[in-house]
Amino acid sequence: MSYTDFVIKIKNAKIAGKPIVKTDATKMSRAIAELLAARGFVKGVEVKGKGVKKYLEIDLEGKKQMHAVKFLSTSSRHRYAGYKDFKKVKNGFGMLVVSTPKGIMTGESARKEKVGGELLSEIW
């Protein structure tokens, strides 16, 4: 499952009023889910199962609603930027998700770490 499918799955489940969502446990999906939990879009993330049958259980009872997602990079077009180019999303109400050499992080934390990378998406 690509990160775009993962984010859309969470957004659609929140709009539908689902309490939890279960999805594949990849490193990227876990990192993005933890960022969403830190920013209040979801309540929590748990890794369940063992070995190959691991999955993420995401509690969607977060404080913030996910209104929209804008994907900046696609499989055919990758966009990169330096840390000085990271802007606030919707005046700080949203978040920029960036894939950096230090891992997946928000635009704010990448700016503090002074590391650039691939722009994945804007979530607000």
PDB file of N, CA and C in Angstrom:
ATOM      1  N   MET A   1       0.856  -1.171   0.000  1.00  0.00           N
ATOM      2  CA  MET A   1       0.000   0.000   0.000  1.00  0.00           C
ATOM      3  C   MET A   1       0.905   1.239   0.000  1.00  0.00           C
ATOM      4  N   SER A   2       0.664   2.133  -0.901  1.00  0.00           N
ATOM      5  CA  SER A   2       1.469   3.353  -0.982  1.00  0.00           C
ATOM      6  C   SER A   2       1.039   4.346   0.099  1.00  0.00           C
ATOM      7  N   TYR A   3       1.872   5.332   0.339  1.00  0.00           N
ATOM      8  CA  TYR A   3       1.538   6.299   1.378  1.00  0.00           C
ATOM      9  C   TYR A   3       0.306   7.117   1.005  1.00  0.00           C
ATOM     10  N   THR A   4       0.069   7.304  -0.294  1.00  0.00           N
ATOM     11  CA  THR A   4      -1.126   8.042  -0.710  1.00  0.00           C
ATOM     12  C   THR A   4      -2.387   7.264  -0.357  1.00  0.00           C
ATOM     13  N   ASP A   5      -2.398   5.963  -0.625  1.00  0.00           N
ATOM     14  CA  ASP A   5      -3.542   5.125  -0.268  1.00  0.00           C
ATOM     15  C   ASP A   5      -3.756   5.122   1.241  1.00  0.00           C
ATOM     16  N   PHE A   6      -2.655   5.068   1.983  1.00  0.00           N
ATOM     17  CA  PHE A   6      -2.721   5.032   3.440  1.00  0.00           C
ATOM     18  C   PHE A   6      -3.367   6.307   3.997  1.00  0.00           C
ATOM     19  N   VAL A   7      -2.913   7.459   3.544  1.00  0.00           N
ATOM     20  CA  VAL A   7      -3.445   8.730   4.041  1.00  0.00           C
ATOM     21  C   VAL A   7      -4.914   8.904   3.647  1.00  0.00           C
ATOM     22  N   ILE A   8      -5.265   8.539   2.423  1.00  0.00           N
ATOM     23  CA  ILE A   8      -6.653   8.640   1.970  1.00  0.00           C
ATOM     24  C   ILE A   8      -7.541   7.688   2.770  1.00  0.00           C
ATOM     25  N   LYS A   9      -7.035   6.511   3.105  1.00  0.00           N
ATOM     26  CA  LYS A   9      -7.799   5.551   3.898  1.00  0.00           C
ATOM     27  C   LYS A   9      -8.131   6.139   5.275  1.00  0.00           C
ATOM     28  N   ILE A  10      -7.169   6.800   5.902  1.00  0.00           N
ATOM     29  CA  ILE A  10      -7.408   7.429   7.205  1.00  0.00           C
ATOM     30  C   ILE A  10      -8.396   8.582   7.067  1.00  0.00           C
ATOM     31  N   LYS A  11      -8.217   9.417   6.063  1.00  0.00           N
ATOM     32  CA  LYS A  11      -9.108  10.556   5.850  1.00  0.00           C
ATOM     33  C   LYS A  11     -10.544  10.095   5.632  1.00  0.00           C
ATOM     34  N   ASN A  12     -10.741   9.112   4.778  1.00  0.00           N
ATOM     35  CA  ASN A  12     -12.087   8.612   4.491  1.00  0.00           C
ATOM     36  C   ASN A  12     -12.725   7.958   5.717  1.00  0.00           C
ATOM     37  N   ALA A  13     -11.938   7.232   6.501  1.00  0.00           N
ATOM     38  CA  ALA A  13     -12.466   6.597   7.713  1.00  0.00           C
ATOM     39  C   ALA A  13     -12.882   7.643   8.739  1.00  0.00           C
ATOM     40  N   LYS A  14     -12.112   8.738   8.842  1.00  0.00           N
ATOM     41  CA  LYS A  14     -12.484   9.824   9.761  1.00  0.00           C
ATOM     42  C   LYS A  14     -13.777  10.501   9.319  1.00  0.00           C
ATOM     43  N   ILE A  15     -13.915  10.746   8.032  1.00  0.00           N
ATOM     44  CA  ILE A  15     -15.130  11.382   7.510  1.00  0.00           C
ATOM     45  C   ILE A  15     -16.344  10.475   7.732  1.00  0.00           C
ATOM     46  N   ALA A  16     -16.146   9.156   7.589  1.00  0.00           N
ATOM     47  CA  ALA A  16     -17.239   8.203   7.765  1.00  0.00           C
ATOM     48  C   ALA A  16     -17.586   7.975   9.235  1.00  0.00           C
ATOM     49  N   GLY A  17     -16.771   8.500  10.154  1.00  0.00           N
ATOM     50  CA  GLY A  17     -17.046   8.370  11.584  1.00  0.00           C
ATOM     51  C   GLY A  17     -16.608   7.051  12.188  1.00  0.00           C
ATOM     52  N   LYS A  18     -15.679   6.371  11.548  1.00  0.00           N
ATOM     53  CA  LYS A  18     -15.172   5.103  12.076  1.00  0.00           C
ATOM     54  C   LYS A  18     -14.310   5.371  13.310  1.00  0.00           C
ATOM     55  N   PRO A  19     -14.384   4.507  14.336  1.00  0.00           N
ATOM     56  CA  PRO A  19     -13.561   4.722  15.540  1.00  0.00           C
ATOM     57  C   PRO A  19     -12.108   4.310  15.347  1.00  0.00           C
ATOM     58  N   ILE A  20     -11.866   3.209  14.597  1.00  0.00           N
ATOM     59  CA  ILE A  20     -10.493   2.749  14.360  1.00  0.00           C
ATOM     60  C   ILE A  20     -10.364   2.303  12.908  1.00  0.00           C
ATOM     61  N   VAL A  21      -9.120   2.216  12.459  1.00  0.00           N
ATOM     62  CA  VAL A  21      -8.829   1.693  11.125  1.00  0.00           C
ATOM     63  C   VAL A  21      -7.628   0.766  11.263  1.00  0.00           C
ATOM     64  N   LYS A  22      -7.656  -0.341  10.522  1.00  0.00           N
ATOM     65  CA  LYS A  22      -6.545  -1.286  10.512  1.00  0.00           C
ATOM     66  C   LYS A  22      -5.930  -1.270   9.124  1.00  0.00           C
ATOM     67  N   THR A  23      -4.597  -1.265   9.096  1.00  0.00           N
ATOM     68  CA  THR A  23      -3.896  -1.194   7.822  1.00  0.00           C
ATOM     69  C   THR A  23      -2.533  -1.872   7.937  1.00  0.00           C
ATOM     70  N   ASP A  24      -1.875  -2.045   6.814  1.00  0.00           N
ATOM     71  CA  ASP A  24      -0.561  -2.689   6.783  1.00  0.00           C
ATOM     72  C   ASP A  24       0.442  -1.915   7.629  1.00  0.00           C
ATOM     73  N   ALA A  25       1.339  -2.650   8.280  1.00  0.00           N
ATOM     74  CA  ALA A  25       2.351  -2.024   9.125  1.00  0.00           C
ATOM     75  C   ALA A  25       3.667  -1.912   8.372  1.00  0.00           C
ATOM     76  N   THR A  26       3.813  -0.855   7.597  1.00  0.00           N
ATOM     77  CA  THR A  26       5.091  -0.575   6.950  1.00  0.00           C
ATOM     78  C   THR A  26       5.783   0.522   7.737  1.00  0.00           C
ATOM     79  N   LYS A  27       7.067   0.693   7.512  1.00  0.00           N
ATOM     80  CA  LYS A  27       7.806   1.735   8.234  1.00  0.00           C
ATOM     81  C   LYS A  27       7.261   3.121   7.897  1.00  0.00           C
ATOM     82  N   MET A  28       6.951   3.336   6.616  1.00  0.00           N
ATOM     83  CA  MET A  28       6.468   4.644   6.196  1.00  0.00           C
ATOM     84  C   MET A  28       5.079   4.932   6.773  1.00  0.00           C
ATOM     85  N   SER A  29       4.173   3.958   6.714  1.00  0.00           N
ATOM     86  CA  SER A  29       2.829   4.191   7.236  1.00  0.00           C
ATOM     87  C   SER A  29       2.861   4.402   8.746  1.00  0.00           C
ATOM     88  N   ARG A  30       3.724   3.692   9.446  1.00  0.00           N
ATOM     89  CA  ARG A  30       3.842   3.891  10.897  1.00  0.00           C
ATOM     90  C   ARG A  30       4.383   5.280  11.215  1.00  0.00           C
ATOM     91  N   ALA A  31       5.378   5.727  10.472  1.00  0.00           N
ATOM     92  CA  ALA A  31       5.954   7.054  10.710  1.00  0.00           C
ATOM     93  C   ALA A  31       4.925   8.149  10.444  1.00  0.00           C
ATOM     94  N   ILE A  32       4.155   8.026   9.361  1.00  0.00           N
ATOM     95  CA  ILE A  32       3.140   9.030   9.039  1.00  0.00           C
ATOM     96  C   ILE A  32       2.034   9.004  10.080  1.00  0.00           C
ATOM     97  N   ALA A  33       1.627   7.810  10.526  1.00  0.00           N
ATOM     98  CA  ALA A  33       0.589   7.703  11.551  1.00  0.00           C
ATOM     99  C   ALA A  33       1.045   8.331  12.864  1.00  0.00           C
ATOM    100  N   GLU A  34       2.305   8.167  13.219  1.00  0.00           N
ATOM    101  CA  GLU A  34       2.825   8.779  14.441  1.00  0.00           C
ATOM    102  C   GLU A  34       2.872  10.301  14.324  1.00  0.00           C
ATOM    103  N   LEU A  35       3.176  10.816  13.125  1.00  0.00           N
ATOM    104  CA  LEU A  35       3.125  12.266  12.913  1.00  0.00           C
ATOM    105  C   LEU A  35       1.694  12.776  13.061  1.00  0.00           C
ATOM    106  N   LEU A  36       0.728  12.043  12.501  1.00  0.00           N
ATOM    107  CA  LEU A  36      -0.675  12.437  12.612  1.00  0.00           C
ATOM    108  C   LEU A  36      -1.130  12.419  14.071  1.00  0.00           C
ATOM    109  N   ALA A  37      -0.643  11.448  14.833  1.00  0.00           N
ATOM    110  CA  ALA A  37      -0.990  11.378  16.258  1.00  0.00           C
ATOM    111  C   ALA A  37      -0.365  12.535  17.028  1.00  0.00           C
ATOM    112  N   ALA A  38       0.868  12.882  16.698  1.00  0.00           N
ATOM    113  CA  ALA A  38       1.547  13.983  17.390  1.00  0.00           C
ATOM    114  C   ALA A  38       0.865  15.321  17.121  1.00  0.00           C
ATOM    115  N   ARG A  39       0.301  15.488  15.928  1.00  0.00           N
ATOM    116  CA  ARG A  39      -0.377  16.746  15.577  1.00  0.00           C
ATOM    117  C   ARG A  39      -1.860  16.753  15.938  1.00  0.00           C
ATOM    118  N   GLY A  40      -2.392  15.646  16.476  1.00  0.00           N
ATOM    119  CA  GLY A  40      -3.773  15.614  16.935  1.00  0.00           C
ATOM    120  C   GLY A  40      -4.803  15.194  15.908  1.00  0.00           C
ATOM    121  N   PHE A  41      -4.376  14.746  14.736  1.00  0.00           N
ATOM    122  CA  PHE A  41      -5.328  14.284  13.726  1.00  0.00           C
ATOM    123  C   PHE A  41      -5.903  12.914  14.096  1.00  0.00           C
ATOM    124  N   VAL A  42      -5.100  12.061  14.734  1.00  0.00           N
ATOM    125  CA  VAL A  42      -5.560  10.775  15.253  1.00  0.00           C
ATOM    126  C   VAL A  42      -5.139  10.680  16.714  1.00  0.00           C
ATOM    127  N   LYS A  43      -5.802   9.794  17.470  1.00  0.00           N
ATOM    128  CA  LYS A  43      -5.527   9.696  18.901  1.00  0.00           C
ATOM    129  C   LYS A  43      -4.287   8.863  19.199  1.00  0.00           C
ATOM    130  N   GLY A  44      -4.150   7.729  18.537  1.00  0.00           N
ATOM    131  CA  GLY A  44      -3.013   6.869  18.824  1.00  0.00           C
ATOM    132  C   GLY A  44      -2.791   5.827  17.751  1.00  0.00           C
ATOM    133  N   VAL A  45      -1.613   5.190  17.820  1.00  0.00           N
ATOM    134  CA  VAL A  45      -1.210   4.179  16.850  1.00  0.00           C
ATOM    135  C   VAL A  45      -0.639   2.993  17.615  1.00  0.00           C
ATOM    136  N   GLU A  46      -1.073   1.791  17.266  1.00  0.00           N
ATOM    137  CA  GLU A  46      -0.539   0.576  17.878  1.00  0.00           C
ATOM    138  C   GLU A  46      -0.149  -0.404  16.787  1.00  0.00           C
ATOM    139  N   VAL A  47       0.977  -1.079  16.989  1.00  0.00           N
ATOM    140  CA  VAL A  47       1.391  -2.152  16.082  1.00  0.00           C
ATOM    141  C   VAL A  47       0.944  -3.452  16.726  1.00  0.00           C
ATOM    142  N   LYS A  48       0.161  -4.237  16.003  1.00  0.00           N
ATOM    143  CA  LYS A  48      -0.348  -5.503  16.533  1.00  0.00           C
ATOM    144  C   LYS A  48       0.047  -6.635  15.598  1.00  0.00           C
ATOM    145  N   GLY A  49      -0.020  -7.855  16.115  1.00  0.00           N
ATOM    146  CA  GLY A  49       0.350  -9.026  15.336  1.00  0.00           C
ATOM    147  C   GLY A  49       1.833  -9.316  15.449  1.00  0.00           C
ATOM    148  N   LYS A  50       2.246 -10.433  14.824  1.00  0.00           N
ATOM    149  CA  LYS A  50       3.654 -10.822  14.861  1.00  0.00           C
ATOM    150  C   LYS A  50       4.169 -11.123  13.466  1.00  0.00           C
ATOM    151  N   GLY A  51       5.444 -10.945  13.321  1.00  0.00           N
ATOM    152  CA  GLY A  51       6.118 -11.325  12.077  1.00  0.00           C
ATOM    153  C   GLY A  51       5.526 -10.680  10.841  1.00  0.00           C
ATOM    154  N   VAL A  52       5.161 -11.522   9.885  1.00  0.00           N
ATOM    155  CA  VAL A  52       4.644 -11.042   8.608  1.00  0.00           C
ATOM    156  C   VAL A  52       3.218 -10.508   8.757  1.00  0.00           C
ATOM    157  N   LYS A  53       2.524 -10.909   9.786  1.00  0.00           N
ATOM    158  CA  LYS A  53       1.121 -10.530   9.960  1.00  0.00           C
ATOM    159  C   LYS A  53       0.943  -9.274  10.807  1.00  0.00           C
ATOM    160  N   LYS A  54       1.956  -8.424  10.881  1.00  0.00           N
ATOM    161  CA  LYS A  54       1.844  -7.180  11.636  1.00  0.00           C
ATOM    162  C   LYS A  54       0.904  -6.215  10.933  1.00  0.00           C
ATOM    163  N   TYR A  55       0.140  -5.479  11.727  1.00  0.00           N
ATOM    164  CA  TYR A  55      -0.732  -4.448  11.181  1.00  0.00           C
ATOM    165  C   TYR A  55      -0.814  -3.286  12.162  1.00  0.00           C
ATOM    166  N   LEU A  56      -1.202  -2.146  11.645  1.00  0.00           N
ATOM    167  CA  LEU A  56      -1.375  -0.951  12.468  1.00  0.00           C
ATOM    168  C   LEU A  56      -2.846  -0.803  12.814  1.00  0.00           C
ATOM    169  N   GLU A  57      -3.110  -0.497  14.074  1.00  0.00           N
ATOM    170  CA  GLU A  57      -4.459  -0.171  14.496  1.00  0.00           C
ATOM    171  C   GLU A  57      -4.428   1.294  14.914  1.00  0.00           C
ATOM    172  N   ILE A  58      -5.147   2.128  14.199  1.00  0.00           N
ATOM    173  CA  ILE A  58      -5.103   3.575  14.404  1.00  0.00           C
ATOM    174  C   ILE A  58      -6.424   4.032  14.995  1.00  0.00           C
ATOM    175  N   ASP A  59      -6.341   4.670  16.175  1.00  0.00           N
ATOM    176  CA  ASP A  59      -7.525   5.222  16.843  1.00  0.00           C
ATOM    177  C   ASP A  59      -7.796   6.594  16.237  1.00  0.00           C
ATOM    178  N   LEU A  60      -8.948   6.757  15.603  1.00  0.00           N
ATOM    179  CA  LEU A  60      -9.252   7.972  14.853  1.00  0.00           C
ATOM    180  C   LEU A  60      -9.921   9.065  15.671  1.00  0.00           C
ATOM    181  N   GLU A  61     -10.038   8.888  16.980  1.00  0.00           N
ATOM    182  CA  GLU A  61     -10.715   9.873  17.828  1.00  0.00           C
ATOM    183  C   GLU A  61      -9.798  11.066  18.146  1.00  0.00           C
ATOM    184  N   GLY A  62      -9.196  11.648  17.150  1.00  0.00           N
ATOM    185  CA  GLY A  62      -8.303  12.793  17.341  1.00  0.00           C
ATOM    186  C   GLY A  62      -9.065  14.091  17.514  1.00  0.00           C
ATOM    187  N   LYS A  63      -8.378  15.111  17.986  1.00  0.00           N
ATOM    188  CA  LYS A  63      -8.995  16.420  18.220  1.00  0.00           C
ATOM    189  C   LYS A  63      -9.306  17.144  16.912  1.00  0.00           C
ATOM    190  N   LYS A  64      -8.431  16.999  15.917  1.00  0.00           N
ATOM    191  CA  LYS A  64      -8.585  17.720  14.654  1.00  0.00           C
ATOM    192  C   LYS A  64      -9.238  16.851  13.592  1.00  0.00           C
ATOM    193  N   GLN A  65     -10.005  17.487  12.739  1.00  0.00           N
ATOM    194  CA  GLN A  65     -10.591  16.813  11.584  1.00  0.00           C
ATOM    195  C   GLN A  65      -9.641  16.966  10.393  1.00  0.00           C
ATOM    196  N   MET A  66      -9.531  15.949   9.564  1.00  0.00           N
ATOM    197  CA  MET A  66      -8.743  16.027   8.339  1.00  0.00           C
ATOM    198  C   MET A  66      -9.649  16.564   7.244  1.00  0.00           C
ATOM    199  N   HIS A  67      -9.446  17.801   6.853  1.00  0.00           N
ATOM    200  CA  HIS A  67     -10.302  18.397   5.834  1.00  0.00           C
ATOM    201  C   HIS A  67      -9.847  18.045   4.429  1.00  0.00           C
ATOM    202  N   ALA A  68      -8.543  18.067   4.204  1.00  0.00           N
ATOM    203  CA  ALA A  68      -8.046  17.794   2.861  1.00  0.00           C
ATOM    204  C   ALA A  68      -6.590  17.333   2.919  1.00  0.00           C
ATOM    205  N   VAL A  69      -6.182  16.697   1.843  1.00  0.00           N
ATOM    206  CA  VAL A  69      -4.806  16.238   1.671  1.00  0.00           C
ATOM    207  C   VAL A  69      -4.375  16.642   0.275  1.00  0.00           C
ATOM    208  N   LYS A  70      -3.190  17.211   0.169  1.00  0.00           N
ATOM    209  CA  LYS A  70      -2.635  17.566  -1.135  1.00  0.00           C
ATOM    210  C   LYS A  70      -1.316  16.823  -1.285  1.00  0.00           C
ATOM    211  N   PHE A  71      -1.247  15.931  -2.273  1.00  0.00           N
ATOM    212  CA  PHE A  71      -0.034  15.159  -2.508  1.00  0.00           C
ATOM    213  C   PHE A  71       0.900  15.952  -3.410  1.00  0.00           C
ATOM    214  N   LEU A  72       2.097  16.191  -2.921  1.00  0.00           N
ATOM    215  CA  LEU A  72       3.066  17.006  -3.659  1.00  0.00           C
ATOM    216  C   LEU A  72       3.962  16.161  -4.554  1.00  0.00           C
ATOM    217  N   SER A  73       4.305  14.953  -4.117  1.00  0.00           N
ATOM    218  CA  SER A  73       5.103  14.038  -4.930  1.00  0.00           C
ATOM    219  C   SER A  73       4.238  12.867  -5.340  1.00  0.00           C
ATOM    220  N   THR A  74       4.466  12.384  -6.534  1.00  0.00           N
ATOM    221  CA  THR A  74       3.782  11.189  -7.012  1.00  0.00           C
ATOM    222  C   THR A  74       4.839  10.187  -7.459  1.00  0.00           C
ATOM    223  N   SER A  75       4.391   9.037  -7.899  1.00  0.00           N
ATOM    224  CA  SER A  75       5.354   8.026  -8.345  1.00  0.00           C
ATOM    225  C   SER A  75       6.091   8.469  -9.615  1.00  0.00           C
ATOM    226  N   SER A  76       5.469   9.326 -10.410  1.00  0.00           N
ATOM    227  CA  SER A  76       6.108   9.772 -11.645  1.00  0.00           C
ATOM    228  C   SER A  76       6.792  11.142 -11.511  1.00  0.00           C
ATOM    229  N   ARG A  77       6.492  11.859 -10.442  1.00  0.00           N
ATOM    230  CA  ARG A  77       7.075  13.193 -10.267  1.00  0.00           C
ATOM    231  C   ARG A  77       7.434  13.408  -8.803  1.00  0.00           C
ATOM    232  N   HIS A  78       8.718  13.451  -8.531  1.00  0.00           N
ATOM    233  CA  HIS A  78       9.193  13.645  -7.163  1.00  0.00           C
ATOM    234  C   HIS A  78       9.627  15.094  -6.990  1.00  0.00           C
ATOM    235  N   ARG A  79       9.139  15.736  -5.939  1.00  0.00           N
ATOM    236  CA  ARG A  79       9.508  17.127  -5.657  1.00  0.00           C
ATOM    237  C   ARG A  79      10.390  17.172  -4.422  1.00  0.00           C
ATOM    238  N   TYR A  80      11.491  17.869  -4.523  1.00  0.00           N
ATOM    239  CA  TYR A  80      12.445  17.997  -3.426  1.00  0.00           C
ATOM    240  C   TYR A  80      12.601  19.468  -3.082  1.00  0.00           C
ATOM    241  N   ALA A  81      12.964  19.736  -1.830  1.00  0.00           N
ATOM    242  CA  ALA A  81      13.182  21.112  -1.407  1.00  0.00           C
ATOM    243  C   ALA A  81      14.174  21.127  -0.251  1.00  0.00           C
ATOM    244  N   GLY A  82      14.856  22.249  -0.125  1.00  0.00           N
ATOM    245  CA  GLY A  82      15.732  22.473   1.011  1.00  0.00           C
ATOM    246  C   GLY A  82      14.918  22.940   2.203  1.00  0.00           C
ATOM    247  N   TYR A  83      15.493  22.859   3.385  1.00  0.00           N
ATOM    248  CA  TYR A  83      14.745  23.186   4.596  1.00  0.00           C
ATOM    249  C   TYR A  83      14.303  24.645   4.639  1.00  0.00           C
ATOM    250  N   LYS A  84      14.993  25.524   3.952  1.00  0.00           N
ATOM    251  CA  LYS A  84      14.615  26.940   3.944  1.00  0.00           C
ATOM    252  C   LYS A  84      13.337  27.183   3.140  1.00  0.00           C
ATOM    253  N   ASP A  85      12.978  26.244   2.272  1.00  0.00           N
ATOM    254  CA  ASP A  85      11.795  26.398   1.423  1.00  0.00           C
ATOM    255  C   ASP A  85      10.515  25.861   2.054  1.00  0.00           C
ATOM    256  N   PHE A  86      10.596  25.238   3.235  1.00  0.00           N
ATOM    257  CA  PHE A  86       9.405  24.675   3.869  1.00  0.00           C
ATOM    258  C   PHE A  86       8.556  25.797   4.458  1.00  0.00           C
ATOM    259  N   LYS A  87       7.303  25.858   4.024  1.00  0.00           N
ATOM    260  CA  LYS A  87       6.367  26.891   4.492  1.00  0.00           C
ATOM    261  C   LYS A  87       5.333  26.272   5.418  1.00  0.00           C
ATOM    262  N   LYS A  88       4.658  27.118   6.193  1.00  0.00           N
ATOM    263  CA  LYS A  88       3.559  26.655   7.033  1.00  0.00           C
ATOM    264  C   LYS A  88       2.374  26.300   6.145  1.00  0.00           C
ATOM    265  N   VAL A  89       1.628  25.303   6.543  1.00  0.00           N
ATOM    266  CA  VAL A  89       0.448  24.863   5.804  1.00  0.00           C
ATOM    267  C   VAL A  89      -0.783  25.428   6.501  1.00  0.00           C
ATOM    268  N   LYS A  90      -1.564  26.191   5.763  1.00  0.00           N
ATOM    269  CA  LYS A  90      -2.800  26.799   6.274  1.00  0.00           C
ATOM    270  C   LYS A  90      -2.552  27.558   7.587  1.00  0.00           C
ATOM    271  N   ASN A  91      -1.534  28.405   7.577  1.00  0.00           N
ATOM    272  CA  ASN A  91      -1.170  29.248   8.717  1.00  0.00           C
ATOM    273  C   ASN A  91      -0.913  28.456   9.995  1.00  0.00           C
ATOM    274  N   GLY A  92      -0.340  27.264   9.867  1.00  0.00           N
ATOM    275  CA  GLY A  92       0.022  26.456  11.022  1.00  0.00           C
ATOM    276  C   GLY A  92      -1.043  25.460  11.449  1.00  0.00           C
ATOM    277  N   PHE A  93      -2.212  25.469  10.827  1.00  0.00           N
ATOM    278  CA  PHE A  93      -3.262  24.516  11.193  1.00  0.00           C
ATOM    279  C   PHE A  93      -3.033  23.145  10.563  1.00  0.00           C
ATOM    280  N   GLY A  94      -2.264  23.086   9.516  1.00  0.00           N
ATOM    281  CA  GLY A  94      -1.973  21.826   8.839  1.00  0.00           C
ATOM    282  C   GLY A  94      -0.527  21.439   9.044  1.00  0.00           C
ATOM    283  N   MET A  95      -0.098  20.430   8.301  1.00  0.00           N
ATOM    284  CA  MET A  95       1.301  20.007   8.402  1.00  0.00           C
ATOM    285  C   MET A  95       1.809  19.548   7.044  1.00  0.00           C
ATOM    286  N   LEU A  96       3.092  19.775   6.848  1.00  0.00           N
ATOM    287  CA  LEU A  96       3.805  19.332   5.664  1.00  0.00           C
ATOM    288  C   LEU A  96       4.544  18.056   6.036  1.00  0.00           C
ATOM    289  N   VAL A  97       4.383  16.998   5.274  1.00  0.00           N
ATOM    290  CA  VAL A  97       5.068  15.730   5.533  1.00  0.00           C
ATOM    291  C   VAL A  97       6.220  15.617   4.552  1.00  0.00           C
ATOM    292  N   VAL A  98       7.439  15.411   5.095  1.00  0.00           N
ATOM    293  CA  VAL A  98       8.659  15.398   4.305  1.00  0.00           C
ATOM    294  C   VAL A  98       9.439  14.117   4.584  1.00  0.00           C
ATOM    295  N   SER A  99       9.961  13.494   3.534  1.00  0.00           N
ATOM    296  CA  SER A  99      10.838  12.342   3.686  1.00  0.00           C
ATOM    297  C   SER A  99      12.274  12.837   3.607  1.00  0.00           C
ATOM    298  N   THR A 100      13.004  12.734   4.702  1.00  0.00           N
ATOM    299  CA  THR A 100      14.370  13.243   4.786  1.00  0.00           C
ATOM    300  C   THR A 100      15.340  12.091   5.026  1.00  0.00           C
ATOM    301  N   PRO A 101      16.636  12.344   4.947  1.00  0.00           N
ATOM    302  CA  PRO A 101      17.602  11.298   5.294  1.00  0.00           C
ATOM    303  C   PRO A 101      17.510  10.878   6.756  1.00  0.00           C
ATOM    304  N   LYS A 102      16.922  11.708   7.607  1.00  0.00           N
ATOM    305  CA  LYS A 102      16.748  11.381   9.020  1.00  0.00           C
ATOM    306  C   LYS A 102      15.397  10.744   9.301  1.00  0.00           C
ATOM    307  N   GLY A 103      14.636  10.444   8.268  1.00  0.00           N
ATOM    308  CA  GLY A 103      13.339   9.799   8.436  1.00  0.00           C
ATOM    309  C   GLY A 103      12.201  10.711   8.001  1.00  0.00           C
ATOM    310  N   ILE A 104      10.980  10.235   8.165  1.00  0.00           N
ATOM    311  CA  ILE A 104       9.802  11.013   7.800  1.00  0.00           C
ATOM    312  C   ILE A 104       9.512  11.976   8.941  1.00  0.00           C
ATOM    313  N   MET A 105       9.337  13.238   8.612  1.00  0.00           N
ATOM    314  CA  MET A 105       9.052  14.245   9.643  1.00  0.00           C
ATOM    315  C   MET A 105       8.217  15.371   9.070  1.00  0.00           C
ATOM    316  N   THR A 106       7.738  16.224   9.962  1.00  0.00           N
ATOM    317  CA  THR A 106       6.972  17.377   9.513  1.00  0.00           C
ATOM    318  C   THR A 106       7.926  18.433   8.970  1.00  0.00           C
ATOM    319  N   GLY A 107       7.374  19.384   8.243  1.00  0.00           N
ATOM    320  CA  GLY A 107       8.187  20.467   7.704  1.00  0.00           C
ATOM    321  C   GLY A 107       8.824  21.298   8.802  1.00  0.00           C
ATOM    322  N   GLU A 108       8.097  21.494   9.912  1.00  0.00           N
ATOM    323  CA  GLU A 108       8.625  22.275  11.037  1.00  0.00           C
ATOM    324  C   GLU A 108       9.838  21.600  11.665  1.00  0.00           C
ATOM    325  N   SER A 109       9.728  20.299  11.935  1.00  0.00           N
ATOM    326  CA  SER A 109      10.847  19.607  12.566  1.00  0.00           C
ATOM    327  C   SER A 109      12.031  19.468  11.605  1.00  0.00           C
ATOM    328  N   ALA A 110      11.768  19.326  10.311  1.00  0.00           N
ATOM    329  CA  ALA A 110      12.860  19.267   9.332  1.00  0.00           C
ATOM    330  C   ALA A 110      13.576  20.613   9.273  1.00  0.00           C
ATOM    331  N   ARG A 111      12.826  21.688   9.426  1.00  0.00           N
ATOM    332  CA  ARG A 111      13.419  23.018   9.432  1.00  0.00           C
ATOM    333  C   ARG A 111      14.320  23.204  10.650  1.00  0.00           C
ATOM    334  N   LYS A 112      13.867  22.712  11.805  1.00  0.00           N
ATOM    335  CA  LYS A 112      14.669  22.804  13.030  1.00  0.00           C
ATOM    336  C   LYS A 112      15.940  21.967  12.922  1.00  0.00           C
ATOM    337  N   GLU A 113      15.821  20.798  12.283  1.00  0.00           N
ATOM    338  CA  GLU A 113      16.973  19.913  12.101  1.00  0.00           C
ATOM    339  C   GLU A 113      17.874  20.372  10.959  1.00  0.00           C
ATOM    340  N   LYS A 114      17.397  21.357  10.177  1.00  0.00           N
ATOM    341  CA  LYS A 114      18.120  21.886   9.023  1.00  0.00           C
ATOM    342  C   LYS A 114      18.440  20.790   8.006  1.00  0.00           C
ATOM    343  N   VAL A 115      17.385  20.053   7.617  1.00  0.00           N
ATOM    344  CA  VAL A 115      17.547  18.982   6.646  1.00  0.00           C
ATOM    345  C   VAL A 115      16.399  19.057   5.638  1.00  0.00           C
ATOM    346  N   GLY A 116      16.725  18.961   4.367  1.00  0.00           N
ATOM    347  CA  GLY A 116      15.727  18.989   3.302  1.00  0.00           C
ATOM    348  C   GLY A 116      15.351  17.585   2.884  1.00  0.00           C
ATOM    349  N   GLY A 117      14.468  17.483   1.894  1.00  0.00           N
ATOM    350  CA  GLY A 117      14.082  16.161   1.436  1.00  0.00           C
ATOM    351  C   GLY A 117      12.947  16.220   0.440  1.00  0.00           C
ATOM    352  N   GLU A 118      12.308  15.073   0.259  1.00  0.00           N
ATOM    353  CA  GLU A 118      11.201  14.955  -0.682  1.00  0.00           C
ATOM    354  C   GLU A 118       9.903  15.390  -0.024  1.00  0.00           C
ATOM    355  N   LEU A 119       9.189  16.288  -0.690  1.00  0.00           N
ATOM    356  CA  LEU A 119       7.902  16.766  -0.193  1.00  0.00           C
ATOM    357  C   LEU A 119       6.850  15.705  -0.500  1.00  0.00           C
ATOM    358  N   LEU A 120       6.264  15.117   0.525  1.00  0.00           N
ATOM    359  CA  LEU A 120       5.277  14.061   0.309  1.00  0.00           C
ATOM    360  C   LEU A 120       3.867  14.623   0.206  1.00  0.00           C
ATOM    361  N   SER A 121       3.401  15.331   1.240  1.00  0.00           N
ATOM    362  CA  SER A 121       2.032  15.833   1.207  1.00  0.00           C
ATOM    363  C   SER A 121       1.816  16.960   2.206  1.00  0.00           C
ATOM    364  N   GLU A 122       0.723  17.677   1.993  1.00  0.00           N
ATOM    365  CA  GLU A 122       0.232  18.670   2.940  1.00  0.00           C
ATOM    366  C   GLU A 122      -1.095  18.147   3.467  1.00  0.00           C
ATOM    367  N   ILE A 123      -1.260  18.180   4.786  1.00  0.00           N
ATOM    368  CA  ILE A 123      -2.487  17.683   5.410  1.00  0.00           C
ATOM    369  C   ILE A 123      -3.043  18.805   6.275  1.00  0.00           C
ATOM    370  N   TRP A 124      -4.325  19.104   6.096  1.00  0.00           N
ATOM    371  CA  TRP A 124      -4.976  20.104   6.940  1.00  0.00           C
ATOM    372  C   TRP A 124      -6.419  19.737   7.180  1.00  0.00           C
TER     373      TRP A 124
END
